[in-house]
Amino acid sequence: MNKFWNDYPALIEELNEVKSIIKQNIKSRESILEESISPMLENGGKMLRPAFLILASRFGECDLEKIHNLAAVIEMLHMATLVHDDIIDDAKLRRGCDTVQHKYGKDYAVYTGDFLFCQCFNMLAKYDYSMENLRDISKALTKICMGEITQYNLRYGKNASLRNYIRIISGKTAALFAISLYAGAHEAKCHESITNSLGKIGYNAGMAFQIIDDILDFSGNTERLGKSALRDLQKGYYTLPLIYALENDKDGRLKKLLNNESLSEIEIEEIILLVNKNSGINRAKAVADKYTERAIERIAKLPDCEAKEIIAASVQKLLNREY
């Protein structure tokens, strides 16, 4: 776990418990399986989704053992999607270390992602979670898959637009943020209004998070991000900064570069410059600001407690991050 939660030692203690639960559930007689997953758990992840689930549960009364198990499930679901994403993207780095597919091969990575999904179902069966929560988690997974499928179908600028981009990230990223906060509150038997509000906070925070992530692909670097900075571009995925930059591409230079079958390092550097020059970064940042403002407005209406303050501070921190 990186330093994101350092100001909240009690929360760190709970997240360490979540990590312990994950470690217990990735053990296998096939030792290489545990070895392939452990680096993802140990190397720099913020554990945002389990943290949000835990924080949401503090608005009600809950069984900590059940909450920690559910938080571990959410993080393992996220890890499984990352393993499969890396196969599709042919990614070499994840959280600063070799991806499963790069180190062990694509076939093994498929099995690893599937194993994580299966273990999540086993963990959910250990406790009497509400049927509504189980249905909502299943729906969130469906949204994630549909977001990825939509993104794949719209590669290389096919119908690239703000509307389609929002469709993609609302499934691929925001859905898991939303279900993390919603499920934590629901399992803690919070009032329906609080549970729904927390779910919407998660959605808006997730939208802002993904937009900032996409901005960093054009303004960050491989060392700081822990992954190839322009992998999306190289795979034909047009994110918001690029979509906005194309709208201002008056001389057609950016579009011409993107039509190349392969991109050299010099061409990639020129694309980065053009995305900045054509206001792609600034306009995308303004959209991220709007989603963050919506989340902050809803957070302000929550009952006063420490969890509320931590959620507010973390959402602001996510918007201003550089990694």
Protein backbone atom coordinates (compact mmCIF):
# COMPACT_ATOMS: atom_id res chain seq x y z
CA MET A 1 0.00 0.00 0.00
CA ASN A 2 1.40 3.42 -0.88
CA LYS A 3 1.24 6.56 1.26
CA PHE A 4 -2.24 7.70 0.21
CA TRP A 5 -3.87 6.88 3.58
CA ASN A 6 -0.93 7.78 5.86
CA ASP A 7 -2.94 10.42 7.75
CA TYR A 8 -5.44 7.77 8.90
CA PRO A 9 -3.65 5.05 10.91
CA ALA A 10 -6.89 3.36 12.00
CA LEU A 11 -7.96 2.96 8.38
CA ILE A 12 -4.50 1.66 7.43
CA GLU A 13 -4.84 -0.97 10.14
CA GLU A 14 -8.14 -2.10 8.64
CA LEU A 15 -6.71 -2.13 5.11
CA ASN A 16 -3.83 -4.28 6.35
CA GLU A 17 -6.44 -6.70 7.68
CA VAL A 18 -8.05 -6.68 4.23
CA LYS A 19 -4.67 -7.48 2.68
CA SER A 20 -4.24 -10.37 5.12
CA ILE A 21 -7.60 -11.77 4.06
CA ILE A 22 -6.59 -11.51 0.40
CA LYS A 23 -3.29 -13.26 1.13
CA GLN A 24 -5.16 -16.10 2.83
CA ASN A 25 -7.46 -16.49 -0.16
CA ILE A 26 -4.80 -16.51 -2.88
CA LYS A 27 -2.93 -19.39 -1.28
CA SER A 28 -2.86 -22.47 -3.46
CA ARG A 29 -1.02 -25.74 -3.80
CA GLU A 30 0.25 -24.22 -7.04
CA SER A 31 2.78 -21.86 -5.42
CA ILE A 32 3.45 -19.99 -8.65
CA LEU A 33 -0.17 -18.79 -8.59
CA GLU A 34 0.34 -16.98 -5.30
CA GLU A 35 3.69 -15.68 -6.54
CA SER A 36 2.07 -14.19 -9.64
CA ILE A 37 -0.62 -12.32 -7.68
CA SER A 38 1.34 -11.11 -4.63
CA PRO A 39 3.30 -8.32 -6.39
CA MET A 40 0.03 -6.61 -7.37
CA LEU A 41 -1.03 -6.62 -3.74
CA GLU A 42 2.28 -5.45 -2.32
CA ASN A 43 3.48 -2.86 -4.83
CA GLY A 44 1.93 0.56 -4.51
CA GLY A 45 -1.82 0.12 -4.93
CA LYS A 46 -3.89 2.77 -3.14
CA MET A 47 -6.62 0.25 -2.18
CA LEU A 48 -9.20 2.95 -2.84
CA ARG A 49 -12.15 0.65 -3.35
CA PRO A 50 -11.82 -1.38 -0.12
CA ALA A 51 -11.06 1.84 1.78
CA PHE A 52 -14.23 3.47 0.46
CA LEU A 53 -16.26 0.38 1.36
CA ILE A 54 -14.91 0.45 4.92
CA LEU A 55 -15.53 4.21 5.26
CA ALA A 56 -19.10 3.87 4.00
CA SER A 57 -19.78 1.16 6.59
CA ARG A 58 -18.91 3.63 9.36
CA PHE A 59 -22.15 5.50 8.70
CA GLY A 60 -24.04 2.54 10.15
CA GLU A 61 -23.55 -0.45 12.41
CA CYS A 62 -21.68 -3.40 11.02
CA ASP A 63 -19.85 -6.62 11.65
CA LEU A 64 -16.21 -5.70 10.99
CA GLU A 65 -15.30 -9.25 10.02
CA LYS A 66 -17.98 -9.26 7.31
CA ILE A 67 -17.03 -5.77 6.13
CA HIS A 68 -13.34 -6.62 5.87
CA ASN A 69 -14.15 -9.78 3.92
CA LEU A 70 -16.40 -7.81 1.57
CA ALA A 71 -13.69 -5.16 1.14
CA ALA A 72 -11.23 -7.93 0.23
CA VAL A 73 -13.70 -9.24 -2.36
CA ILE A 74 -13.99 -5.79 -3.95
CA GLU A 75 -10.20 -5.43 -4.18
CA MET A 76 -9.79 -8.94 -5.61
CA LEU A 77 -12.46 -8.24 -8.23
CA HIS A 78 -10.50 -5.13 -9.16
CA MET A 79 -7.25 -7.11 -9.31
CA ALA A 80 -8.86 -9.71 -11.56
CA THR A 81 -10.01 -7.05 -14.03
CA LEU A 82 -6.48 -5.57 -14.05
CA VAL A 83 -4.92 -8.96 -14.85
CA HIS A 84 -7.28 -9.41 -17.79
CA ASP A 85 -6.86 -5.78 -18.92
CA ASP A 86 -3.11 -6.28 -19.08
CA ILE A 87 -3.57 -9.27 -21.39
CA ILE A 88 -5.68 -7.22 -23.79
CA ASP A 89 -3.30 -4.25 -23.64
CA ASP A 90 -0.18 -6.44 -23.82
CA ALA A 91 1.05 -4.36 -20.86
CA LYS A 92 4.48 -5.00 -19.40
CA LEU A 93 4.17 -2.98 -16.18
CA ARG A 94 1.50 -2.70 -13.48
CA ARG A 95 2.14 -0.81 -10.25
CA GLY A 96 5.81 -0.60 -11.12
CA CYS A 97 6.39 -4.33 -11.56
CA ASP A 98 6.02 -6.94 -14.31
CA THR A 99 2.45 -7.82 -15.20
CA VAL A 100 1.31 -11.43 -14.86
CA GLN A 101 0.94 -11.75 -18.62
CA HIS A 102 4.39 -10.34 -19.30
CA LYS A 103 6.17 -12.50 -16.72
CA TYR A 104 4.22 -15.75 -17.00
CA GLY A 105 2.48 -15.54 -20.38
CA LYS A 106 -1.05 -14.70 -21.52
CA ASP A 107 -2.48 -18.19 -20.93
CA TYR A 108 -1.36 -18.20 -17.31
CA ALA A 109 -2.68 -14.65 -16.83
CA VAL A 110 -6.15 -15.74 -18.00
CA TYR A 111 -6.14 -18.55 -15.43
CA THR A 112 -4.90 -16.15 -12.74
CA GLY A 113 -7.70 -13.65 -13.37
CA ASP A 114 -10.27 -16.47 -13.42
CA PHE A 115 -8.88 -17.84 -10.14
CA LEU A 116 -9.32 -14.43 -8.48
CA PHE A 117 -12.93 -14.21 -9.69
CA CYS A 118 -13.68 -17.72 -8.39
CA GLN A 119 -12.16 -16.97 -4.99
CA CYS A 120 -14.40 -13.90 -4.72
CA PHE A 121 -17.50 -16.09 -5.02
CA ASN A 122 -16.12 -18.47 -2.39
CA MET A 123 -15.53 -15.55 -0.04
CA LEU A 124 -19.02 -14.13 -0.56
CA ALA A 125 -20.48 -17.54 0.29
CA LYS A 126 -18.79 -17.50 3.73
CA TYR A 127 -21.16 -14.89 5.19
CA ASP A 128 -24.86 -14.11 4.98
CA TYR A 129 -24.56 -11.00 2.84
CA SER A 130 -27.80 -9.45 1.68
CA MET A 131 -29.10 -10.76 -1.63
CA GLU A 132 -29.47 -7.17 -2.82
CA ASN A 133 -25.75 -6.52 -2.28
CA LEU A 134 -24.83 -9.69 -4.18
CA ARG A 135 -27.08 -8.69 -7.09
CA ASP A 136 -25.62 -5.18 -7.15
CA ILE A 137 -22.04 -6.48 -7.16
CA SER A 138 -22.96 -8.77 -10.07
CA LYS A 139 -24.50 -5.80 -11.93
CA ALA A 140 -21.34 -3.76 -11.32
CA LEU A 141 -19.23 -6.54 -12.84
CA THR A 142 -21.52 -6.62 -15.87
CA LYS A 143 -21.11 -2.85 -16.27
CA ILE A 144 -17.32 -3.20 -16.08
CA CYS A 145 -17.34 -5.86 -18.81
CA MET A 146 -19.68 -3.80 -21.00
CA GLY A 147 -17.48 -0.73 -20.54
CA GLU A 148 -14.46 -2.69 -21.73
CA ILE A 149 -16.37 -4.13 -24.70
CA THR A 150 -17.63 -0.69 -25.72
CA GLN A 151 -14.11 0.72 -25.48
CA TYR A 152 -12.77 -2.11 -27.66
CA ASN A 153 -15.48 -1.59 -30.29
CA LEU A 154 -14.70 2.15 -30.49
CA ARG A 155 -10.95 1.85 -31.01
CA TYR A 156 -9.09 4.13 -33.43
CA GLY A 157 -11.55 6.96 -33.25
CA LYS A 158 -14.73 5.14 -34.29
CA ASN A 159 -17.46 7.51 -33.09
CA ALA A 160 -15.06 9.13 -30.60
CA SER A 161 -17.13 11.62 -28.59
CA LEU A 162 -17.65 12.85 -25.06
CA ARG A 163 -20.88 10.86 -24.85
CA ASN A 164 -19.24 7.54 -25.82
CA TYR A 165 -16.26 8.22 -23.58
CA ILE A 166 -18.61 8.78 -20.61
CA ARG A 167 -20.39 5.50 -21.43
CA ILE A 168 -17.09 3.67 -21.35
CA ILE A 169 -15.66 5.00 -18.10
CA SER A 170 -18.98 4.94 -16.25
CA GLY A 171 -18.86 1.16 -16.64
CA LYS A 172 -15.17 0.42 -16.65
CA THR A 173 -14.19 2.54 -13.60
CA ALA A 174 -17.06 4.38 -11.93
CA ALA A 175 -19.19 1.26 -11.41
CA LEU A 176 -16.72 -0.35 -9.00
CA PHE A 177 -16.21 2.91 -7.08
CA ALA A 178 -19.99 3.26 -6.76
CA ILE A 179 -20.60 -0.31 -5.60
CA SER A 180 -17.75 -0.05 -3.07
CA LEU A 181 -19.41 2.82 -1.20
CA TYR A 182 -22.95 1.54 -1.77
CA ALA A 183 -22.23 -2.02 -0.61
CA GLY A 184 -20.39 -0.84 2.50
CA ALA A 185 -23.31 1.36 3.52
CA HIS A 186 -25.93 -1.26 2.67
CA GLU A 187 -24.16 -3.97 4.64
CA ALA A 188 -23.97 -1.57 7.61
CA LYS A 189 -27.76 -1.15 7.39
CA CYS A 190 -27.58 2.58 6.68
CA HIS A 191 -30.72 4.49 5.81
CA GLU A 192 -31.61 4.15 2.13
CA SER A 193 -31.00 7.86 1.47
CA ILE A 194 -27.46 7.64 2.86
CA THR A 195 -26.74 4.40 1.00
CA ASN A 196 -27.93 5.86 -2.33
CA SER A 197 -26.04 9.10 -1.75
CA LEU A 198 -22.80 7.23 -1.03
CA GLY A 199 -23.27 5.21 -4.20
CA LYS A 200 -23.61 8.42 -6.22
CA ILE A 201 -20.54 9.87 -4.50
CA GLY A 202 -18.63 6.76 -5.60
CA TYR A 203 -19.86 7.14 -9.16
CA ASN A 204 -18.80 10.79 -9.42
CA ALA A 205 -15.47 10.16 -7.68
CA GLY A 206 -14.82 7.23 -10.04
CA MET A 207 -15.57 9.35 -13.09
CA ALA A 208 -13.16 12.07 -11.92
CA PHE A 209 -10.54 9.45 -11.05
CA GLN A 210 -10.58 7.91 -14.54
CA ILE A 211 -10.49 11.27 -16.32
CA ILE A 212 -7.48 12.33 -14.25
CA ASP A 213 -5.89 8.96 -15.01
CA ASP A 214 -6.35 9.61 -18.72
CA ILE A 215 -4.96 13.13 -18.37
CA LEU A 216 -1.85 11.71 -16.70
CA ASP A 217 -1.26 9.53 -19.76
CA PHE A 218 -0.46 12.76 -21.61
CA SER A 219 1.27 14.63 -18.80
CA GLY A 220 2.90 11.98 -16.60
CA ASN A 221 5.79 9.59 -17.19
CA THR A 222 6.33 5.85 -17.04
CA GLU A 223 8.36 5.91 -13.81
CA ARG A 224 5.73 7.91 -11.90
CA LEU A 225 2.69 6.09 -13.26
CA GLY A 226 4.18 2.59 -13.08
CA LYS A 227 2.87 1.70 -16.55
CA SER A 228 3.43 2.68 -20.15
CA ALA A 229 2.25 6.29 -20.26
CA LEU A 230 0.61 6.17 -23.68
CA ARG A 231 -0.53 2.56 -23.86
CA ASP A 232 -4.13 3.60 -24.56
CA LEU A 233 -3.05 5.71 -27.51
CA GLN A 234 -0.88 2.95 -28.94
CA LYS A 235 -3.81 0.52 -28.72
CA GLY A 236 -6.19 2.95 -30.41
CA TYR A 237 -8.16 3.98 -27.32
CA TYR A 238 -9.15 7.65 -27.60
CA THR A 239 -9.57 9.16 -24.15
CA LEU A 240 -11.02 12.56 -23.23
CA PRO A 241 -7.88 14.75 -23.63
CA LEU A 242 -7.39 13.36 -27.14
CA ILE A 243 -11.09 13.65 -28.05
CA TYR A 244 -11.11 17.32 -27.05
CA ALA A 245 -7.78 17.99 -28.79
CA LEU A 246 -9.15 16.53 -32.03
CA GLU A 247 -12.08 18.97 -31.87
CA ASN A 248 -9.54 21.83 -31.99
CA ASP A 249 -7.34 20.18 -34.62
CA LYS A 250 -7.85 22.94 -37.20
CA ASP A 251 -4.93 22.04 -39.49
CA GLY A 252 -5.54 18.28 -39.24
CA ARG A 253 -2.01 17.53 -38.03
CA LEU A 254 -3.14 15.51 -35.00
CA LYS A 255 -5.59 13.43 -37.04
CA LYS A 256 -2.90 12.76 -39.65
CA LEU A 257 -0.50 11.48 -36.98
CA LEU A 258 -3.18 9.22 -35.51
CA ASN A 259 -3.83 7.69 -38.94
CA ASN A 260 -0.30 6.24 -38.97
CA GLU A 261 -0.25 2.46 -38.61
CA SER A 262 2.54 2.71 -36.04
CA LEU A 263 3.89 5.63 -34.03
CA SER A 264 7.53 6.50 -33.46
CA GLU A 265 8.73 8.06 -30.21
CA ILE A 266 9.07 11.42 -32.00
CA GLU A 267 5.47 11.19 -33.27
CA ILE A 268 4.19 10.29 -29.81
CA GLU A 269 5.98 13.31 -28.35
CA GLU A 270 4.37 15.49 -31.03
CA ILE A 271 0.93 14.08 -30.19
CA ILE A 272 1.49 14.95 -26.53
CA LEU A 273 2.42 18.50 -27.51
CA LEU A 274 -0.63 18.84 -29.77
CA VAL A 275 -3.01 17.49 -27.10
CA ASN A 276 -1.73 20.21 -24.76
CA LYS A 277 -1.66 22.90 -27.45
CA ASN A 278 -5.23 22.09 -28.55
CA SER A 279 -6.56 22.45 -24.96
CA GLY A 280 -7.20 18.73 -24.54
CA ILE A 281 -5.73 18.62 -21.04
CA ASN A 282 -7.44 21.79 -19.77
CA ARG A 283 -10.87 20.84 -21.09
CA ALA A 284 -10.63 17.32 -19.70
CA LYS A 285 -9.53 18.71 -16.34
CA ALA A 286 -12.64 20.93 -16.30
CA VAL A 287 -14.85 17.84 -16.73
CA ALA A 288 -13.01 16.06 -13.91
CA ASP A 289 -13.58 19.16 -11.76
CA LYS A 290 -17.33 18.99 -12.39
CA TYR A 291 -17.57 15.36 -11.31
CA THR A 292 -15.46 16.10 -8.25
CA GLU A 293 -17.69 19.05 -7.33
CA ARG A 294 -20.76 16.83 -7.57
CA ALA A 295 -19.14 14.30 -5.26
CA ILE A 296 -18.09 17.00 -2.78
CA GLU A 297 -21.61 18.52 -2.77
CA ARG A 298 -23.12 15.13 -1.88
CA ILE A 299 -20.45 14.45 0.74
CA ALA A 300 -21.29 17.77 2.44
CA LYS A 301 -24.87 16.53 2.98
CA LEU A 302 -23.81 13.32 4.73
CA PRO A 303 -24.10 13.05 8.54
CA ASP A 304 -21.08 14.54 10.29
CA CYS A 305 -18.49 11.96 11.31
CA GLU A 306 -14.83 11.14 10.79
CA ALA A 307 -15.61 8.94 7.78
CA LYS A 308 -17.26 11.88 6.05
CA GLU A 309 -14.14 14.01 6.53
CA ILE A 310 -11.85 11.26 5.23
CA ILE A 311 -13.99 10.66 2.14
CA ALA A 312 -14.05 14.40 1.37
CA ALA A 313 -10.28 14.75 1.80
CA SER A 314 -9.50 11.66 -0.28
CA VAL A 315 -11.71 12.75 -3.19
CA GLN A 316 -9.95 16.11 -3.28
CA LYS A 317 -6.58 14.37 -3.09
CA LEU A 318 -7.44 12.10 -6.01
CA LEU A 319 -8.23 15.09 -8.21
CA ASN A 320 -4.86 16.72 -7.49
CA ARG A 321 -2.73 13.59 -7.76
CA GLU A 322 0.22 13.20 -10.10
CA TYR A 323 0.35 9.37 -10.14
